[in-house]
């Protein structure tokens, strides 16, 4: 998210971050927005300036699939139980999409599971 971007008259920035470290560059760029929504699992300089914070689960509180650095798809198991009031990223995005009448497909799930490793065995 450190890539250059312009607000181009937009009044709202919606930033979804997954780390406790948020670059100074990003914080400075979004500070120019009249309204900031931060979807995050850790407090940061970004959440400090956000108008709305959507708390989400950490990596240890989620289960699902991810692609590792070797290009292999792996299953992740939940190691911690999150508080009942904290949802995972997908739940938050699905609810927002539903309220905005934006249909979300699930093709990405099938694509991840069908993905072949880029590592030769």
C-alpha atoms as a PDB file:
ATOM      1  CA  UNK A   1       0.000   0.000   0.000  1.00  0.00           C
ATOM      2  CA  UNK A   2       2.981   2.278  -0.218  1.00  0.00           C
ATOM      3  CA  UNK A   3       2.370   2.674  -3.941  1.00  0.00           C
ATOM      4  CA  UNK A   4       1.466   6.170  -4.921  1.00  0.00           C
ATOM      5  CA  UNK A   5      -2.213   6.954  -5.072  1.00  0.00           C
ATOM      6  CA  UNK A   6      -4.266  10.097  -5.257  1.00  0.00           C
ATOM      7  CA  UNK A   7      -7.589  10.679  -3.545  1.00  0.00           C
ATOM      8  CA  UNK A   8      -8.947  12.255  -6.752  1.00  0.00           C
ATOM      9  CA  UNK A   9     -11.760  13.942  -4.871  1.00  0.00           C
ATOM     10  CA  UNK A  10     -12.792  10.811  -2.985  1.00  0.00           C
ATOM     11  CA  UNK A  11     -14.140  11.582   0.460  1.00  0.00           C
ATOM     12  CA  UNK A  12     -13.496   8.202   2.081  1.00  0.00           C
ATOM     13  CA  UNK A  13     -10.507   5.882   2.340  1.00  0.00           C
ATOM     14  CA  UNK A  14     -11.143   2.282   3.334  1.00  0.00           C
ATOM     15  CA  UNK A  15      -7.863   0.661   4.379  1.00  0.00           C
ATOM     16  CA  UNK A  16      -7.694  -3.016   5.293  1.00  0.00           C
ATOM     17  CA  UNK A  17      -4.374  -3.858   6.950  1.00  0.00           C
ATOM     18  CA  UNK A  18      -3.094  -7.049   8.530  1.00  0.00           C
ATOM     19  CA  UNK A  19      -0.065  -5.872  10.466  1.00  0.00           C
ATOM     20  CA  UNK A  20       0.729  -3.801  13.490  1.00  0.00           C
ATOM     21  CA  UNK A  21       3.268  -1.938  11.356  1.00  0.00           C
ATOM     22  CA  UNK A  22       1.790   0.595   8.974  1.00  0.00           C
ATOM     23  CA  UNK A  23       4.242   2.713   7.024  1.00  0.00           C
ATOM     24  CA  UNK A  24       4.552   6.413   7.700  1.00  0.00           C
ATOM     25  CA  UNK A  25       4.005   7.029   3.975  1.00  0.00           C
ATOM     26  CA  UNK A  26       0.608   5.327   4.037  1.00  0.00           C
ATOM     27  CA  UNK A  27      -0.442   7.114   7.227  1.00  0.00           C
ATOM     28  CA  UNK A  28       0.508  10.471   5.685  1.00  0.00           C
ATOM     29  CA  UNK A  29      -1.345   9.740   2.437  1.00  0.00           C
ATOM     30  CA  UNK A  30      -4.611   8.679   4.061  1.00  0.00           C
ATOM     31  CA  UNK A  31      -4.474  11.552   6.546  1.00  0.00           C
ATOM     32  CA  UNK A  32      -5.570  13.816   3.684  1.00  0.00           C
ATOM     33  CA  UNK A  33      -8.892  11.975   3.362  1.00  0.00           C
ATOM     34  CA  UNK A  34     -11.887  13.613   5.005  1.00  0.00           C
ATOM     35  CA  UNK A  35     -13.045  10.223   6.338  1.00  0.00           C
ATOM     36  CA  UNK A  36     -10.992   7.101   7.116  1.00  0.00           C
ATOM     37  CA  UNK A  37     -12.192   3.569   7.767  1.00  0.00           C
ATOM     38  CA  UNK A  38      -9.564   1.090   8.985  1.00  0.00           C
ATOM     39  CA  UNK A  39     -10.113  -2.660   8.978  1.00  0.00           C
ATOM     40  CA  UNK A  40      -7.328  -3.981  11.189  1.00  0.00           C
ATOM     41  CA  UNK A  41      -6.372  -6.589  13.747  1.00  0.00           C
ATOM     42  CA  UNK A  42      -3.791  -4.427  15.547  1.00  0.00           C
ATOM     43  CA  UNK A  43      -3.696  -0.873  16.821  1.00  0.00           C
ATOM     44  CA  UNK A  44      -1.441   1.395  14.781  1.00  0.00           C
ATOM     45  CA  UNK A  45      -0.949   4.984  13.688  1.00  0.00           C
ATOM     46  CA  UNK A  46      -3.585   4.244  11.050  1.00  0.00           C
ATOM     47  CA  UNK A  47      -6.221   3.175  13.574  1.00  0.00           C
ATOM     48  CA  UNK A  48      -5.347   6.174  15.741  1.00  0.00           C
ATOM     49  CA  UNK A  49      -6.488   8.551  13.008  1.00  0.00           C
ATOM     50  CA  UNK A  50      -9.405   6.442  11.727  1.00  0.00           C
ATOM     51  CA  UNK A  51     -12.970   7.687  12.014  1.00  0.00           C
ATOM     52  CA  UNK A  52     -14.235   4.102  12.066  1.00  0.00           C
ATOM     53  CA  UNK A  53     -12.292   0.988  13.064  1.00  0.00           C
ATOM     54  CA  UNK A  54     -13.489  -2.452  12.015  1.00  0.00           C
ATOM     55  CA  UNK A  55     -11.621  -4.879  14.279  1.00  0.00           C
ATOM     56  CA  UNK A  56     -10.846  -8.250  12.701  1.00  0.00           C
ATOM     57  CA  UNK A  57      -9.171 -11.451  13.824  1.00  0.00           C
ATOM     58  CA  UNK A  58      -5.418 -11.958  13.803  1.00  0.00           C
ATOM     59  CA  UNK A  59      -3.723 -14.657  11.738  1.00  0.00           C
ATOM     60  CA  UNK A  60      -3.689 -16.969  14.802  1.00  0.00           C
ATOM     61  CA  UNK A  61      -7.469 -16.614  15.207  1.00  0.00           C
ATOM     62  CA  UNK A  62      -8.331 -17.593  11.628  1.00  0.00           C
ATOM     63  CA  UNK A  63      -8.516 -20.758   9.633  1.00  0.00           C
ATOM     64  CA  UNK A  64      -8.429 -21.169   5.912  1.00  0.00           C
ATOM     65  CA  UNK A  65      -5.852 -21.470   3.158  1.00  0.00           C
ATOM     66  CA  UNK A  66      -2.851 -19.409   2.178  1.00  0.00           C
ATOM     67  CA  UNK A  67      -0.083 -19.588  -0.384  1.00  0.00           C
ATOM     68  CA  UNK A  68       3.339 -19.817   1.286  1.00  0.00           C
ATOM     69  CA  UNK A  69       6.602 -18.336   0.015  1.00  0.00           C
ATOM     70  CA  UNK A  70       7.321 -21.554  -1.891  1.00  0.00           C
ATOM     71  CA  UNK A  71       4.065 -21.117  -3.809  1.00  0.00           C
ATOM     72  CA  UNK A  72       2.358 -24.037  -2.064  1.00  0.00           C
ATOM     73  CA  UNK A  73      -1.221 -23.811  -0.844  1.00  0.00           C
ATOM     74  CA  UNK A  74      -1.454 -24.720   2.823  1.00  0.00           C
ATOM     75  CA  UNK A  75      -4.315 -25.040   5.282  1.00  0.00           C
ATOM     76  CA  UNK A  76      -4.169 -22.923   8.428  1.00  0.00           C
ATOM     77  CA  UNK A  77      -5.866 -24.022  11.635  1.00  0.00           C
ATOM     78  CA  UNK A  78      -7.164 -21.632  14.264  1.00  0.00           C
ATOM     79  CA  UNK A  79      -4.749 -21.556  17.240  1.00  0.00           C
ATOM     80  CA  UNK A  80      -6.674 -19.030  19.374  1.00  0.00           C
ATOM     81  CA  UNK A  81     -10.350 -18.344  19.874  1.00  0.00           C
ATOM     82  CA  UNK A  82     -11.121 -14.689  19.050  1.00  0.00           C
ATOM     83  CA  UNK A  83     -13.493 -12.589  21.151  1.00  0.00           C
ATOM     84  CA  UNK A  84     -17.121 -12.979  20.056  1.00  0.00           C
ATOM     85  CA  UNK A  85     -17.255  -9.324  19.001  1.00  0.00           C
ATOM     86  CA  UNK A  86     -14.359  -9.655  16.526  1.00  0.00           C
ATOM     87  CA  UNK A  87     -15.085 -11.097  13.085  1.00  0.00           C
ATOM     88  CA  UNK A  88     -12.710 -12.400  10.454  1.00  0.00           C
ATOM     89  CA  UNK A  89     -11.870 -10.358   7.350  1.00  0.00           C
ATOM     90  CA  UNK A  90     -14.122 -12.359   5.055  1.00  0.00           C
ATOM     91  CA  UNK A  91     -17.160 -11.922   7.322  1.00  0.00           C
ATOM     92  CA  UNK A  92     -16.631  -8.152   7.460  1.00  0.00           C
ATOM     93  CA  UNK A  93     -16.228  -7.889   3.677  1.00  0.00           C
ATOM     94  CA  UNK A  94     -19.281 -10.093   3.051  1.00  0.00           C
ATOM     95  CA  UNK A  95     -21.467  -7.979   5.349  1.00  0.00           C
ATOM     96  CA  UNK A  96     -20.281  -4.730   3.759  1.00  0.00           C
ATOM     97  CA  UNK A  97     -20.873  -6.130   0.274  1.00  0.00           C
ATOM     98  CA  UNK A  98     -24.353  -7.290   1.263  1.00  0.00           C
ATOM     99  CA  UNK A  99     -25.267  -3.836   2.620  1.00  0.00           C
ATOM    100  CA  UNK A 100     -23.982  -2.212  -0.579  1.00  0.00           C
ATOM    101  CA  UNK A 101     -25.794  -4.734  -2.801  1.00  0.00           C
ATOM    102  CA  UNK A 102     -22.495  -5.889  -4.300  1.00  0.00           C
ATOM    103  CA  UNK A 103     -22.514  -9.633  -5.046  1.00  0.00           C
ATOM    104  CA  UNK A 104     -19.336 -11.466  -4.074  1.00  0.00           C
ATOM    105  CA  UNK A 105     -18.525 -14.712  -5.805  1.00  0.00           C
ATOM    106  CA  UNK A 106     -16.727 -17.590  -4.161  1.00  0.00           C
ATOM    107  CA  UNK A 107     -14.677 -18.522  -7.232  1.00  0.00           C
ATOM    108  CA  UNK A 108     -11.530 -17.333  -5.442  1.00  0.00           C
ATOM    109  CA  UNK A 109     -11.899 -20.185  -2.925  1.00  0.00           C
ATOM    110  CA  UNK A 110     -11.967 -22.808  -5.672  1.00  0.00           C
ATOM    111  CA  UNK A 111      -9.086 -21.092  -7.455  1.00  0.00           C
ATOM    112  CA  UNK A 112      -6.877 -21.168  -4.349  1.00  0.00           C
ATOM    113  CA  UNK A 113      -7.618 -24.841  -3.684  1.00  0.00           C
ATOM    114  CA  UNK A 114      -7.028 -25.811  -7.331  1.00  0.00           C
ATOM    115  CA  UNK A 115      -3.785 -23.826  -7.598  1.00  0.00           C
ATOM    116  CA  UNK A 116      -0.704 -25.853  -8.453  1.00  0.00           C
ATOM    117  CA  UNK A 117       2.515 -25.227  -6.585  1.00  0.00           C
ATOM    118  CA  UNK A 118       5.144 -23.218  -8.424  1.00  0.00           C
ATOM    119  CA  UNK A 119       7.837 -25.329  -6.776  1.00  0.00           C
ATOM    120  CA  UNK A 120       9.078 -28.411  -8.594  1.00  0.00           C
ATOM    121  CA  UNK A 121       9.293 -31.498  -6.415  1.00  0.00           C
END
